[in-house]
Amino acid sequence: MAEAQRSSDPSAVEVVNQLHRSYDQLREQMGGVIVGLEDVIEQLTVALLCRGHCILEGVPGLAKTKIVSTMASLLNLSFRRVQFTPDLMPSDITGTDVLEEDRTTGKRVFRFIEGPLFGYMILADEINRTPPKTQSALLEAMEERQLTVGGQNYQLPNPFLVLATQNPIEQEGTYTLPEAQLDRFMLKVILGYPDFNEEIEIMKLVTTAYNFETKQVLDGE
């Protein structure tokens, strides 16, 4: 009986309808910027609406960064891109304590400087090119949506989404993602090459004055 009452609740039905309309609007807006990749856009949209992290795998030039930045603008979320490199340190993405002088007291105190992880939507570009030590800095953030630095806990923004990319070729100098890291991702989305007609459409878009004006669909709240 309780299940029947919940299923017939007008407010619950309206929430579902609103979600469906927002989903359709997101796909429509993404289609105005990205040519093809309908399956990729669908999987990414579903994951984001479920607050799940994603890995986008594809060779360079398939609009991985463009997809993420466009989605961030449609959701009105701050977008931060981190280029993962072999010399990247954990503090480069989490933030660090900086010693500075308090002018009122003359004493030196530590002040925490937030890293790029303190954003709503994080693009971890080529995540497999940084050592496991730096990759591990994402584990707590992706699972608990908080960071512990210098014994202090810092809450991350809500929603907090990590979208990582990796190149399936050119594996020299890369690091295998640990199982614990892979477990944090809801989906691994594979990007393929556009077909002939899609390539023609892409050429038309980039060689003309075409400029699709995206409109915000949702916000963080």
N, C-alpha and C. Protein backbone atom coordinates (compact mmCIF):
# COMPACT_ATOMS: atom_id res chain seq x y z
N MET A 1 0.83 -1.20 0.00
CA MET A 1 0.00 0.00 0.00
C MET A 1 0.87 1.26 0.00
N ALA A 2 1.94 1.26 0.83
CA ALA A 2 2.83 2.41 0.90
C ALA A 2 3.51 2.65 -0.44
N GLU A 3 3.92 1.57 -1.12
CA GLU A 3 4.55 1.70 -2.43
C GLU A 3 3.59 2.32 -3.43
N ALA A 4 2.32 1.90 -3.39
CA ALA A 4 1.33 2.44 -4.32
C ALA A 4 1.11 3.92 -4.07
N GLN A 5 1.10 4.33 -2.79
CA GLN A 5 0.91 5.74 -2.47
C GLN A 5 2.08 6.58 -2.97
N ARG A 6 3.29 6.08 -2.80
CA ARG A 6 4.47 6.83 -3.24
C ARG A 6 4.47 6.96 -4.76
N SER A 7 4.11 5.90 -5.46
CA SER A 7 4.15 5.92 -6.92
C SER A 7 3.11 6.86 -7.50
N SER A 8 2.01 7.09 -6.75
CA SER A 8 0.96 7.98 -7.25
C SER A 8 1.08 9.39 -6.69
N ASP A 9 2.11 9.69 -5.94
CA ASP A 9 2.32 11.01 -5.37
C ASP A 9 2.55 12.01 -6.50
N PRO A 10 1.71 13.02 -6.66
CA PRO A 10 1.88 13.99 -7.77
C PRO A 10 3.22 14.69 -7.74
N SER A 11 3.71 15.01 -6.53
CA SER A 11 4.98 15.71 -6.46
C SER A 11 6.13 14.83 -6.96
N ALA A 12 6.08 13.54 -6.63
CA ALA A 12 7.12 12.63 -7.09
C ALA A 12 7.08 12.48 -8.61
N VAL A 13 5.88 12.41 -9.16
CA VAL A 13 5.74 12.31 -10.61
C VAL A 13 6.29 13.56 -11.30
N GLU A 14 6.02 14.72 -10.71
CA GLU A 14 6.51 15.97 -11.30
C GLU A 14 8.03 16.04 -11.26
N VAL A 15 8.63 15.54 -10.18
CA VAL A 15 10.10 15.52 -10.09
C VAL A 15 10.68 14.66 -11.20
N VAL A 16 10.09 13.50 -11.43
CA VAL A 16 10.56 12.62 -12.50
C VAL A 16 10.40 13.28 -13.86
N ASN A 17 9.27 13.94 -14.08
CA ASN A 17 9.04 14.63 -15.35
C ASN A 17 10.02 15.76 -15.55
N GLN A 18 10.31 16.50 -14.47
CA GLN A 18 11.27 17.59 -14.56
C GLN A 18 12.66 17.07 -14.89
N LEU A 19 13.03 15.93 -14.27
CA LEU A 19 14.33 15.32 -14.56
C LEU A 19 14.41 14.90 -16.03
N HIS A 20 13.33 14.34 -16.54
CA HIS A 20 13.30 13.90 -17.93
C HIS A 20 13.43 15.10 -18.87
N ARG A 21 12.74 16.20 -18.57
CA ARG A 21 12.84 17.40 -19.40
C ARG A 21 14.25 17.97 -19.37
N SER A 22 14.85 18.01 -18.19
CA SER A 22 16.22 18.53 -18.06
C SER A 22 17.20 17.65 -18.83
N TYR A 23 17.00 16.36 -18.76
CA TYR A 23 17.87 15.43 -19.50
C TYR A 23 17.78 15.67 -21.00
N ASP A 24 16.56 15.83 -21.50
CA ASP A 24 16.39 16.11 -22.93
C ASP A 24 17.02 17.43 -23.32
N GLN A 25 16.89 18.45 -22.47
CA GLN A 25 17.48 19.75 -22.76
C GLN A 25 19.00 19.68 -22.77
N LEU A 26 19.57 18.92 -21.83
CA LEU A 26 21.02 18.77 -21.79
C LEU A 26 21.54 18.12 -23.08
N ARG A 27 20.87 17.07 -23.51
CA ARG A 27 21.30 16.38 -24.73
C ARG A 27 21.14 17.28 -25.96
N GLU A 28 20.07 18.06 -25.99
CA GLU A 28 19.85 18.96 -27.12
C GLU A 28 20.93 20.04 -27.17
N GLN A 29 21.25 20.63 -26.02
CA GLN A 29 22.27 21.67 -25.97
C GLN A 29 23.66 21.11 -26.32
N MET A 30 23.96 19.92 -25.81
CA MET A 30 25.25 19.31 -26.13
C MET A 30 25.35 19.02 -27.62
N GLY A 31 24.24 18.61 -28.24
CA GLY A 31 24.25 18.31 -29.67
C GLY A 31 24.50 19.53 -30.52
N GLY A 32 24.23 20.73 -29.99
CA GLY A 32 24.52 21.94 -30.75
C GLY A 32 25.99 22.30 -30.79
N VAL A 33 26.78 21.70 -29.89
CA VAL A 33 28.22 21.99 -29.83
C VAL A 33 29.06 20.81 -30.30
N ILE A 34 28.63 19.61 -29.96
CA ILE A 34 29.39 18.39 -30.26
C ILE A 34 28.72 17.66 -31.42
N VAL A 35 29.48 17.33 -32.44
CA VAL A 35 28.96 16.59 -33.59
C VAL A 35 29.08 15.10 -33.30
N GLY A 36 27.98 14.37 -33.44
CA GLY A 36 28.01 12.94 -33.19
C GLY A 36 28.17 12.64 -31.70
N LEU A 37 28.77 11.49 -31.41
CA LEU A 37 29.05 11.06 -30.03
C LEU A 37 27.78 11.03 -29.17
N GLU A 38 26.64 10.68 -29.79
CA GLU A 38 25.38 10.64 -29.04
C GLU A 38 25.45 9.68 -27.86
N ASP A 39 26.04 8.50 -28.06
CA ASP A 39 26.14 7.53 -26.97
C ASP A 39 27.02 8.05 -25.84
N VAL A 40 28.10 8.74 -26.20
CA VAL A 40 29.01 9.30 -25.20
C VAL A 40 28.28 10.37 -24.38
N ILE A 41 27.56 11.26 -25.06
CA ILE A 41 26.83 12.32 -24.37
C ILE A 41 25.77 11.72 -23.45
N GLU A 42 25.10 10.67 -23.92
CA GLU A 42 24.07 10.03 -23.10
C GLU A 42 24.67 9.43 -21.84
N GLN A 43 25.76 8.68 -21.99
CA GLN A 43 26.38 8.04 -20.82
C GLN A 43 26.91 9.09 -19.85
N LEU A 44 27.53 10.14 -20.38
CA LEU A 44 28.08 11.18 -19.52
C LEU A 44 26.97 11.91 -18.77
N THR A 45 25.88 12.20 -19.46
CA THR A 45 24.77 12.90 -18.83
C THR A 45 24.14 12.07 -17.73
N VAL A 46 23.94 10.79 -17.98
CA VAL A 46 23.37 9.90 -16.96
C VAL A 46 24.28 9.84 -15.74
N ALA A 47 25.58 9.71 -15.96
CA ALA A 47 26.52 9.63 -14.84
C ALA A 47 26.50 10.91 -14.01
N LEU A 48 26.47 12.06 -14.70
CA LEU A 48 26.49 13.33 -13.98
C LEU A 48 25.21 13.53 -13.17
N LEU A 49 24.07 13.16 -13.73
CA LEU A 49 22.81 13.30 -13.00
C LEU A 49 22.77 12.35 -11.81
N CYS A 50 23.54 11.27 -11.87
CA CYS A 50 23.65 10.33 -10.73
C CYS A 50 24.82 10.68 -9.81
N ARG A 51 25.47 11.80 -10.10
CA ARG A 51 26.63 12.27 -9.30
C ARG A 51 27.76 11.23 -9.31
N GLY A 52 28.00 10.65 -10.46
CA GLY A 52 29.07 9.66 -10.59
C GLY A 52 30.25 10.21 -11.35
N HIS A 53 31.43 9.73 -11.02
CA HIS A 53 32.65 10.13 -11.72
C HIS A 53 32.83 9.26 -12.98
N CYS A 54 33.53 9.79 -13.97
CA CYS A 54 33.67 9.10 -15.25
C CYS A 54 35.11 9.15 -15.75
N ILE A 55 35.49 8.12 -16.52
CA ILE A 55 36.72 8.12 -17.30
C ILE A 55 36.32 8.21 -18.78
N LEU A 56 36.90 9.16 -19.48
CA LEU A 56 36.70 9.28 -20.93
C LEU A 56 37.97 8.81 -21.60
N GLU A 57 37.87 7.74 -22.39
CA GLU A 57 39.05 7.19 -23.05
C GLU A 57 38.93 7.36 -24.56
N GLY A 58 39.95 7.97 -25.15
CA GLY A 58 39.97 8.19 -26.59
C GLY A 58 41.26 8.86 -27.00
N VAL A 59 41.59 8.75 -28.28
CA VAL A 59 42.82 9.35 -28.78
C VAL A 59 42.67 10.86 -28.77
N PRO A 60 43.78 11.60 -28.86
CA PRO A 60 43.69 13.07 -28.86
C PRO A 60 42.87 13.59 -30.04
N GLY A 61 42.16 14.69 -29.78
CA GLY A 61 41.42 15.35 -30.84
C GLY A 61 39.97 14.93 -30.98
N LEU A 62 39.43 14.17 -30.03
CA LEU A 62 38.05 13.71 -30.12
C LEU A 62 37.10 14.53 -29.26
N ALA A 63 37.52 15.70 -28.83
CA ALA A 63 36.67 16.66 -28.11
C ALA A 63 36.35 16.23 -26.68
N LYS A 64 37.26 15.51 -26.03
CA LYS A 64 37.02 15.10 -24.65
C LYS A 64 36.91 16.33 -23.74
N THR A 65 37.87 17.23 -23.86
CA THR A 65 37.84 18.44 -23.03
C THR A 65 36.65 19.31 -23.38
N LYS A 66 36.31 19.41 -24.66
CA LYS A 66 35.19 20.23 -25.10
C LYS A 66 33.88 19.72 -24.51
N ILE A 67 33.72 18.41 -24.46
CA ILE A 67 32.50 17.83 -23.89
C ILE A 67 32.36 18.22 -22.43
N VAL A 68 33.44 18.10 -21.67
CA VAL A 68 33.39 18.38 -20.24
C VAL A 68 33.14 19.86 -19.99
N SER A 69 33.86 20.74 -20.68
CA SER A 69 33.69 22.17 -20.46
C SER A 69 32.30 22.64 -20.87
N THR A 70 31.74 22.06 -21.94
CA THR A 70 30.38 22.42 -22.35
C THR A 70 29.37 21.97 -21.32
N MET A 71 29.54 20.75 -20.81
CA MET A 71 28.62 20.25 -19.79
C MET A 71 28.68 21.14 -18.54
N ALA A 72 29.87 21.59 -18.17
CA ALA A 72 30.00 22.45 -16.99
C ALA A 72 29.24 23.76 -17.18
N SER A 73 29.31 24.33 -18.38
CA SER A 73 28.60 25.59 -18.64
C SER A 73 27.09 25.39 -18.63
N LEU A 74 26.61 24.23 -19.13
CA LEU A 74 25.18 23.97 -19.14
C LEU A 74 24.64 23.78 -17.72
N LEU A 75 25.49 23.32 -16.82
CA LEU A 75 25.09 23.12 -15.43
C LEU A 75 25.49 24.28 -14.54
N ASN A 76 26.14 25.30 -15.12
CA ASN A 76 26.59 26.47 -14.36
C ASN A 76 27.48 26.07 -13.19
N LEU A 77 28.41 25.13 -13.45
CA LEU A 77 29.35 24.67 -12.44
C LEU A 77 30.75 25.12 -12.80
N SER A 78 31.54 25.50 -11.79
CA SER A 78 32.91 25.89 -12.04
C SER A 78 33.70 24.70 -12.58
N PHE A 79 34.48 24.94 -13.61
CA PHE A 79 35.22 23.89 -14.31
C PHE A 79 36.71 24.13 -14.14
N ARG A 80 37.41 23.13 -13.64
CA ARG A 80 38.86 23.25 -13.44
C ARG A 80 39.56 22.08 -14.11
N ARG A 81 40.52 22.41 -14.92
CA ARG A 81 41.27 21.40 -15.68
C ARG A 81 42.66 21.24 -15.09
N VAL A 82 43.05 20.01 -14.79
CA VAL A 82 44.37 19.70 -14.26
C VAL A 82 45.08 18.79 -15.25
N GLN A 83 46.22 19.23 -15.76
CA GLN A 83 47.01 18.40 -16.67
C GLN A 83 47.91 17.49 -15.83
N PHE A 84 47.63 16.21 -15.84
CA PHE A 84 48.40 15.27 -15.03
C PHE A 84 49.71 14.93 -15.75
N THR A 85 50.83 15.12 -15.05
CA THR A 85 52.17 14.89 -15.59
C THR A 85 52.97 14.06 -14.59
N PRO A 86 54.09 13.47 -15.04
CA PRO A 86 54.88 12.63 -14.12
C PRO A 86 55.42 13.38 -12.91
N ASP A 87 55.61 14.71 -13.01
CA ASP A 87 56.17 15.46 -11.89
C ASP A 87 55.10 16.14 -11.03
N LEU A 88 53.83 15.86 -11.28
CA LEU A 88 52.75 16.46 -10.50
C LEU A 88 52.75 15.88 -9.09
N MET A 89 52.68 16.75 -8.10
CA MET A 89 52.68 16.33 -6.70
C MET A 89 51.25 16.38 -6.13
N PRO A 90 50.96 15.57 -5.08
CA PRO A 90 49.63 15.61 -4.48
C PRO A 90 49.19 17.01 -4.06
N SER A 91 50.11 17.78 -3.50
CA SER A 91 49.76 19.13 -3.04
C SER A 91 49.41 20.06 -4.19
N ASP A 92 49.84 19.72 -5.41
CA ASP A 92 49.51 20.55 -6.57
C ASP A 92 48.03 20.51 -6.90
N ILE A 93 47.34 19.46 -6.46
CA ILE A 93 45.92 19.37 -6.76
C ILE A 93 45.04 19.52 -5.51
N THR A 94 45.58 19.14 -4.35
CA THR A 94 44.78 19.26 -3.13
C THR A 94 44.89 20.64 -2.50
N GLY A 95 46.06 21.27 -2.66
CA GLY A 95 46.35 22.51 -1.97
C GLY A 95 47.38 22.27 -0.88
N THR A 96 47.86 23.34 -0.27
CA THR A 96 48.92 23.19 0.72
C THR A 96 48.87 24.34 1.73
N ASP A 97 49.51 24.11 2.89
CA ASP A 97 49.61 25.16 3.91
C ASP A 97 50.80 26.05 3.59
N VAL A 98 50.57 27.36 3.63
CA VAL A 98 51.61 28.34 3.34
C VAL A 98 51.87 29.16 4.60
N LEU A 99 53.14 29.33 4.95
CA LEU A 99 53.51 30.10 6.13
C LEU A 99 53.53 31.58 5.77
N GLU A 100 52.75 32.37 6.50
CA GLU A 100 52.72 33.80 6.25
C GLU A 100 52.62 34.55 7.58
N GLU A 101 52.93 35.83 7.54
CA GLU A 101 52.96 36.64 8.76
C GLU A 101 51.62 37.34 8.96
N ASP A 102 51.11 37.22 10.19
CA ASP A 102 49.89 37.93 10.57
C ASP A 102 50.28 39.35 10.95
N ARG A 103 49.86 40.33 10.16
CA ARG A 103 50.29 41.71 10.37
C ARG A 103 49.74 42.31 11.66
N THR A 104 48.63 41.77 12.14
CA THR A 104 48.05 42.33 13.37
C THR A 104 48.82 41.90 14.62
N THR A 105 49.34 40.67 14.60
CA THR A 105 50.04 40.15 15.79
C THR A 105 51.54 40.02 15.57
N GLY A 106 51.96 40.03 14.33
CA GLY A 106 53.37 39.85 14.05
C GLY A 106 53.82 38.41 14.09
N LYS A 107 52.90 37.49 14.33
CA LYS A 107 53.24 36.07 14.39
C LYS A 107 53.09 35.43 13.02
N ARG A 108 53.83 34.37 12.85
CA ARG A 108 53.72 33.60 11.61
C ARG A 108 52.72 32.46 11.78
N VAL A 109 51.82 32.36 10.83
CA VAL A 109 50.78 31.33 10.91
C VAL A 109 50.68 30.64 9.55
N PHE A 110 50.14 29.43 9.59
CA PHE A 110 49.91 28.69 8.36
C PHE A 110 48.51 29.01 7.82
N ARG A 111 48.46 29.24 6.53
CA ARG A 111 47.18 29.47 5.86
C ARG A 111 47.04 28.48 4.71
N PHE A 112 45.89 27.83 4.66
CA PHE A 112 45.68 26.81 3.64
C PHE A 112 45.27 27.46 2.32
N ILE A 113 46.00 27.12 1.27
CA ILE A 113 45.69 27.59 -0.08
C ILE A 113 45.03 26.45 -0.83
N GLU A 114 43.78 26.64 -1.23
CA GLU A 114 43.04 25.58 -1.90
C GLU A 114 43.64 25.26 -3.27
N GLY A 115 43.65 23.95 -3.59
CA GLY A 115 44.09 23.50 -4.90
C GLY A 115 42.93 23.41 -5.87
N PRO A 116 43.19 22.96 -7.08
CA PRO A 116 42.14 22.88 -8.10
C PRO A 116 41.04 21.87 -7.79
N LEU A 117 41.25 20.98 -6.83
CA LEU A 117 40.19 20.04 -6.48
C LEU A 117 38.99 20.73 -5.82
N PHE A 118 39.17 21.97 -5.37
CA PHE A 118 38.07 22.68 -4.74
C PHE A 118 37.23 23.38 -5.81
N GLY A 119 36.69 22.57 -6.68
CA GLY A 119 35.79 23.04 -7.73
C GLY A 119 34.67 22.04 -7.88
N TYR A 120 33.65 22.41 -8.64
CA TYR A 120 32.51 21.52 -8.82
C TYR A 120 32.81 20.40 -9.82
N MET A 121 33.40 20.76 -10.94
CA MET A 121 33.66 19.78 -11.99
C MET A 121 35.15 19.82 -12.32
N ILE A 122 35.84 18.69 -12.10
CA ILE A 122 37.29 18.62 -12.26
C ILE A 122 37.60 17.74 -13.46
N LEU A 123 38.39 18.25 -14.38
CA LEU A 123 38.88 17.45 -15.50
C LEU A 123 40.30 17.01 -15.20
N ALA A 124 40.48 15.72 -14.92
CA ALA A 124 41.80 15.15 -14.69
C ALA A 124 42.34 14.67 -16.03
N ASP A 125 43.02 15.55 -16.74
CA ASP A 125 43.44 15.26 -18.10
C ASP A 125 44.63 14.32 -18.12
N GLU A 126 44.48 13.20 -18.83
CA GLU A 126 45.51 12.15 -18.93
C GLU A 126 45.94 11.70 -17.53
N ILE A 127 44.97 11.20 -16.80
CA ILE A 127 45.19 10.83 -15.40
C ILE A 127 46.25 9.75 -15.25
N ASN A 128 46.43 8.90 -16.26
CA ASN A 128 47.39 7.80 -16.15
C ASN A 128 48.83 8.24 -16.40
N ARG A 129 49.07 9.52 -16.57
CA ARG A 129 50.44 10.00 -16.77
C ARG A 129 51.06 10.53 -15.48
N THR A 130 50.37 10.40 -14.37
CA THR A 130 50.93 10.82 -13.09
C THR A 130 51.13 9.59 -12.21
N PRO A 131 52.13 9.58 -11.33
CA PRO A 131 52.42 8.39 -10.50
C PRO A 131 51.27 8.06 -9.56
N PRO A 132 51.21 6.80 -9.10
CA PRO A 132 50.15 6.40 -8.16
C PRO A 132 50.10 7.26 -6.90
N LYS A 133 51.23 7.80 -6.46
CA LYS A 133 51.24 8.64 -5.27
C LYS A 133 50.33 9.85 -5.46
N THR A 134 50.39 10.46 -6.62
CA THR A 134 49.54 11.62 -6.89
C THR A 134 48.11 11.19 -7.18
N GLN A 135 47.95 10.05 -7.87
CA GLN A 135 46.60 9.55 -8.11
C GLN A 135 45.86 9.28 -6.80
N SER A 136 46.60 8.83 -5.79
CA SER A 136 45.97 8.50 -4.51
C SER A 136 45.39 9.72 -3.82
N ALA A 137 45.84 10.92 -4.21
CA ALA A 137 45.29 12.14 -3.62
C ALA A 137 43.83 12.33 -4.00
N LEU A 138 43.38 11.62 -5.05
CA LEU A 138 41.99 11.73 -5.48
C LEU A 138 41.06 10.77 -4.74
N LEU A 139 41.61 9.75 -4.09
CA LEU A 139 40.79 8.69 -3.53
C LEU A 139 39.79 9.21 -2.50
N GLU A 140 40.28 9.94 -1.51
CA GLU A 140 39.39 10.47 -0.47
C GLU A 140 38.40 11.46 -1.05
N ALA A 141 38.87 12.30 -1.97
CA ALA A 141 38.00 13.32 -2.56
C ALA A 141 36.85 12.68 -3.33
N MET A 142 37.15 11.67 -4.13
CA MET A 142 36.13 11.06 -4.96
C MET A 142 35.15 10.20 -4.16
N GLU A 143 35.62 9.59 -3.08
CA GLU A 143 34.76 8.70 -2.30
C GLU A 143 33.95 9.46 -1.25
N GLU A 144 34.63 10.35 -0.50
CA GLU A 144 33.98 11.00 0.64
C GLU A 144 33.69 12.48 0.38
N ARG A 145 34.13 12.98 -0.76
CA ARG A 145 33.93 14.39 -1.12
C ARG A 145 34.44 15.32 -0.04
N GLN A 146 35.63 14.98 0.46
CA GLN A 146 36.34 15.82 1.40
C GLN A 146 37.83 15.56 1.24
N LEU A 147 38.65 16.45 1.79
CA LEU A 147 40.10 16.30 1.75
C LEU A 147 40.65 16.48 3.15
N THR A 148 41.70 15.72 3.45
CA THR A 148 42.41 15.87 4.71
C THR A 148 43.82 16.33 4.41
N VAL A 149 44.15 17.54 4.82
CA VAL A 149 45.46 18.13 4.56
C VAL A 149 45.99 18.68 5.87
N GLY A 150 47.18 18.23 6.28
CA GLY A 150 47.78 18.72 7.52
C GLY A 150 46.93 18.44 8.73
N GLY A 151 46.20 17.32 8.72
CA GLY A 151 45.37 16.96 9.86
C GLY A 151 44.03 17.66 9.91
N GLN A 152 43.74 18.52 8.94
CA GLN A 152 42.48 19.24 8.90
C GLN A 152 41.60 18.69 7.78
N ASN A 153 40.30 18.59 8.05
CA ASN A 153 39.34 18.14 7.04
C ASN A 153 38.70 19.33 6.36
N TYR A 154 38.63 19.26 5.04
CA TYR A 154 38.02 20.32 4.25
C TYR A 154 36.94 19.70 3.37
N GLN A 155 35.73 20.24 3.47
CA GLN A 155 34.63 19.75 2.66
C GLN A 155 34.73 20.31 1.24
N LEU A 156 34.47 19.45 0.27
CA LEU A 156 34.50 19.86 -1.12
C LEU A 156 33.12 20.36 -1.54
N PRO A 157 33.05 21.14 -2.61
CA PRO A 157 31.75 21.66 -3.06
C PRO A 157 30.79 20.52 -3.39
N ASN A 158 29.52 20.85 -3.37
CA ASN A 158 28.47 19.89 -3.69
C ASN A 158 27.61 20.47 -4.81
N PRO A 159 27.53 19.80 -5.96
CA PRO A 159 28.11 18.49 -6.30
C PRO A 159 29.59 18.58 -6.63
N PHE A 160 30.28 17.44 -6.49
CA PHE A 160 31.69 17.34 -6.82
C PHE A 160 31.87 16.18 -7.80
N LEU A 161 32.37 16.48 -8.99
CA LEU A 161 32.46 15.48 -10.05
C LEU A 161 33.86 15.48 -10.66
N VAL A 162 34.44 14.30 -10.79
CA VAL A 162 35.75 14.13 -11.43
C VAL A 162 35.55 13.42 -12.76
N LEU A 163 35.99 14.05 -13.82
CA LEU A 163 35.95 13.46 -15.16
C LEU A 163 37.38 13.34 -15.64
N ALA A 164 37.86 12.11 -15.73
CA ALA A 164 39.25 11.86 -16.10
C ALA A 164 39.33 11.42 -17.55
N THR A 165 40.44 11.74 -18.20
CA THR A 165 40.67 11.29 -19.57
C THR A 165 41.96 10.48 -19.61
N GLN A 166 42.01 9.57 -20.56
CA GLN A 166 43.25 8.85 -20.81
C GLN A 166 43.30 8.43 -22.27
N ASN A 167 44.54 8.29 -22.75
CA ASN A 167 44.81 7.97 -24.14
C ASN A 167 45.06 6.47 -24.25
N PRO A 168 44.31 5.75 -25.11
CA PRO A 168 44.51 4.30 -25.21
C PRO A 168 45.78 3.90 -25.94
N ILE A 169 46.45 4.86 -26.58
CA ILE A 169 47.71 4.58 -27.26
C ILE A 169 48.83 5.39 -26.60
N GLU A 170 50.04 5.24 -27.09
CA GLU A 170 51.20 5.95 -26.53
C GLU A 170 51.31 5.68 -25.02
N GLN A 171 51.46 4.40 -24.68
CA GLN A 171 51.47 4.00 -23.27
C GLN A 171 52.83 4.19 -22.60
N GLU A 172 53.85 4.56 -23.36
CA GLU A 172 55.17 4.78 -22.74
C GLU A 172 55.10 5.96 -21.78
N GLY A 173 55.59 5.77 -20.56
CA GLY A 173 55.59 6.83 -19.57
C GLY A 173 54.28 6.97 -18.83
N THR A 174 53.37 6.00 -18.96
CA THR A 174 52.11 6.05 -18.24
C THR A 174 52.13 5.07 -17.07
N TYR A 175 51.16 5.20 -16.20
CA TYR A 175 51.05 4.35 -15.01
C TYR A 175 49.67 3.70 -15.00
N THR A 176 49.64 2.43 -14.66
CA THR A 176 48.36 1.72 -14.56
C THR A 176 47.57 2.26 -13.39
N LEU A 177 46.30 2.53 -13.61
CA LEU A 177 45.46 3.02 -12.52
C LEU A 177 45.19 1.91 -11.52
N PRO A 178 45.43 2.16 -10.23
CA PRO A 178 45.17 1.13 -9.21
C PRO A 178 43.69 0.75 -9.17
N GLU A 179 43.42 -0.47 -8.70
CA GLU A 179 42.03 -0.92 -8.60
C GLU A 179 41.20 0.00 -7.72
N ALA A 180 41.80 0.50 -6.64
CA ALA A 180 41.06 1.41 -5.76
C ALA A 180 40.66 2.68 -6.48
N GLN A 181 41.51 3.13 -7.40
CA GLN A 181 41.20 4.34 -8.18
C GLN A 181 40.07 4.06 -9.17
N LEU A 182 40.17 2.93 -9.88
CA LEU A 182 39.14 2.58 -10.85
C LEU A 182 37.79 2.39 -10.19
N ASP A 183 37.79 1.91 -8.94
CA ASP A 183 36.55 1.65 -8.24
C ASP A 183 35.76 2.93 -7.98
N ARG A 184 36.44 4.08 -8.00
CA ARG A 184 35.76 5.35 -7.73
C ARG A 184 34.96 5.84 -8.93
N PHE A 185 35.19 5.29 -10.11
CA PHE A 185 34.52 5.76 -11.31
C PHE A 185 33.26 4.93 -11.57
N MET A 186 32.17 5.62 -11.88
CA MET A 186 30.93 4.93 -12.20
C MET A 186 30.98 4.31 -13.59
N LEU A 187 31.50 5.07 -14.57
CA LEU A 187 31.51 4.61 -15.95
C LEU A 187 32.87 4.88 -16.60
N LYS A 188 33.21 4.01 -17.54
CA LYS A 188 34.32 4.25 -18.45
C LYS A 188 33.73 4.41 -19.84
N VAL A 189 33.83 5.62 -20.39
CA VAL A 189 33.18 5.94 -21.65
C VAL A 189 34.22 5.97 -22.76
N ILE A 190 33.99 5.19 -23.80
CA ILE A 190 34.92 5.08 -24.91
C ILE A 190 34.48 6.01 -26.04
N LEU A 191 35.38 6.87 -26.49
CA LEU A 191 35.11 7.77 -27.60
C LEU A 191 35.73 7.21 -28.87
N GLY A 192 34.92 7.06 -29.91
CA GLY A 192 35.41 6.57 -31.19
C GLY A 192 35.57 7.70 -32.19
N TYR A 193 36.14 7.36 -33.36
CA TYR A 193 36.31 8.34 -34.42
C TYR A 193 34.97 8.70 -35.04
N PRO A 194 34.81 9.94 -35.48
CA PRO A 194 33.57 10.28 -36.21
C PRO A 194 33.56 9.61 -37.58
N ASP A 195 32.35 9.36 -38.12
CA ASP A 195 32.27 8.78 -39.44
C ASP A 195 32.46 9.87 -40.51
N PHE A 196 32.35 9.48 -41.78
CA PHE A 196 32.64 10.42 -42.87
C PHE A 196 31.72 11.64 -42.83
N ASN A 197 30.42 11.40 -42.69
CA ASN A 197 29.47 12.51 -42.68
C ASN A 197 29.68 13.43 -41.47
N GLU A 198 30.03 12.86 -40.35
CA GLU A 198 30.30 13.67 -39.17
C GLU A 198 31.56 14.50 -39.35
N GLU A 199 32.57 13.95 -40.01
CA GLU A 199 33.78 14.72 -40.28
C GLU A 199 33.48 15.92 -41.19
N ILE A 200 32.63 15.71 -42.19
CA ILE A 200 32.24 16.82 -43.07
C ILE A 200 31.52 17.90 -42.26
N GLU A 201 30.64 17.48 -41.37
CA GLU A 201 29.91 18.44 -40.53
C GLU A 201 30.85 19.21 -39.62
N ILE A 202 31.84 18.51 -39.06
CA ILE A 202 32.82 19.17 -38.19
C ILE A 202 33.61 20.20 -38.99
N MET A 203 34.02 19.85 -40.20
CA MET A 203 34.77 20.78 -41.04
C MET A 203 33.94 22.03 -41.34
N LYS A 204 32.64 21.85 -41.58
CA LYS A 204 31.78 23.00 -41.85
C LYS A 204 31.68 23.92 -40.64
N LEU A 205 31.62 23.31 -39.46
CA LEU A 205 31.45 24.11 -38.25
C LEU A 205 32.71 24.92 -37.92
N VAL A 206 33.88 24.30 -38.09
CA VAL A 206 35.12 24.97 -37.68
C VAL A 206 35.66 25.93 -38.74
N THR A 207 35.10 25.90 -39.95
CA THR A 207 35.57 26.79 -41.01
C THR A 207 34.55 27.86 -41.37
N THR A 208 33.50 27.99 -40.57
CA THR A 208 32.49 29.02 -40.80
C THR A 208 32.32 29.83 -39.52
N ALA A 209 31.42 30.80 -39.58
CA ALA A 209 31.17 31.66 -38.42
C ALA A 209 30.13 31.07 -37.48
N TYR A 210 29.84 29.78 -37.63
CA TYR A 210 28.83 29.13 -36.79
C TYR A 210 29.23 29.22 -35.32
N ASN A 211 28.30 29.66 -34.49
CA ASN A 211 28.55 29.75 -33.05
C ASN A 211 27.26 29.45 -32.31
N PHE A 212 27.17 28.26 -31.75
CA PHE A 212 25.96 27.85 -31.04
C PHE A 212 25.96 28.45 -29.64
N GLU A 213 24.92 29.20 -29.33
CA GLU A 213 24.79 29.84 -28.02
C GLU A 213 24.14 28.85 -27.04
N THR A 214 24.94 28.33 -26.13
CA THR A 214 24.40 27.39 -25.15
C THR A 214 23.61 28.13 -24.07
N LYS A 215 22.62 27.44 -23.52
CA LYS A 215 21.78 28.01 -22.47
C LYS A 215 21.85 27.12 -21.24
N GLN A 216 21.95 27.75 -20.09
CA GLN A 216 22.02 27.00 -18.85
C GLN A 216 20.75 26.18 -18.65
N VAL A 217 20.93 24.90 -18.30
CA VAL A 217 19.79 24.00 -18.10
C VAL A 217 19.52 23.78 -16.62
N LEU A 218 20.57 23.51 -15.84
CA LEU A 218 20.45 23.27 -14.40
C LEU A 218 21.54 24.04 -13.69
N ASP A 219 21.47 24.06 -12.36
CA ASP A 219 22.56 24.63 -11.57
C ASP A 219 22.97 23.62 -10.50
N GLY A 220 23.97 23.96 -9.72
CA GLY A 220 24.48 23.03 -8.74
C GLY A 220 23.44 22.59 -7.73
N GLU A 221 22.61 23.52 -7.33
CA GLU A 221 21.58 23.20 -6.33
C GLU A 221 20.54 22.24 -6.87
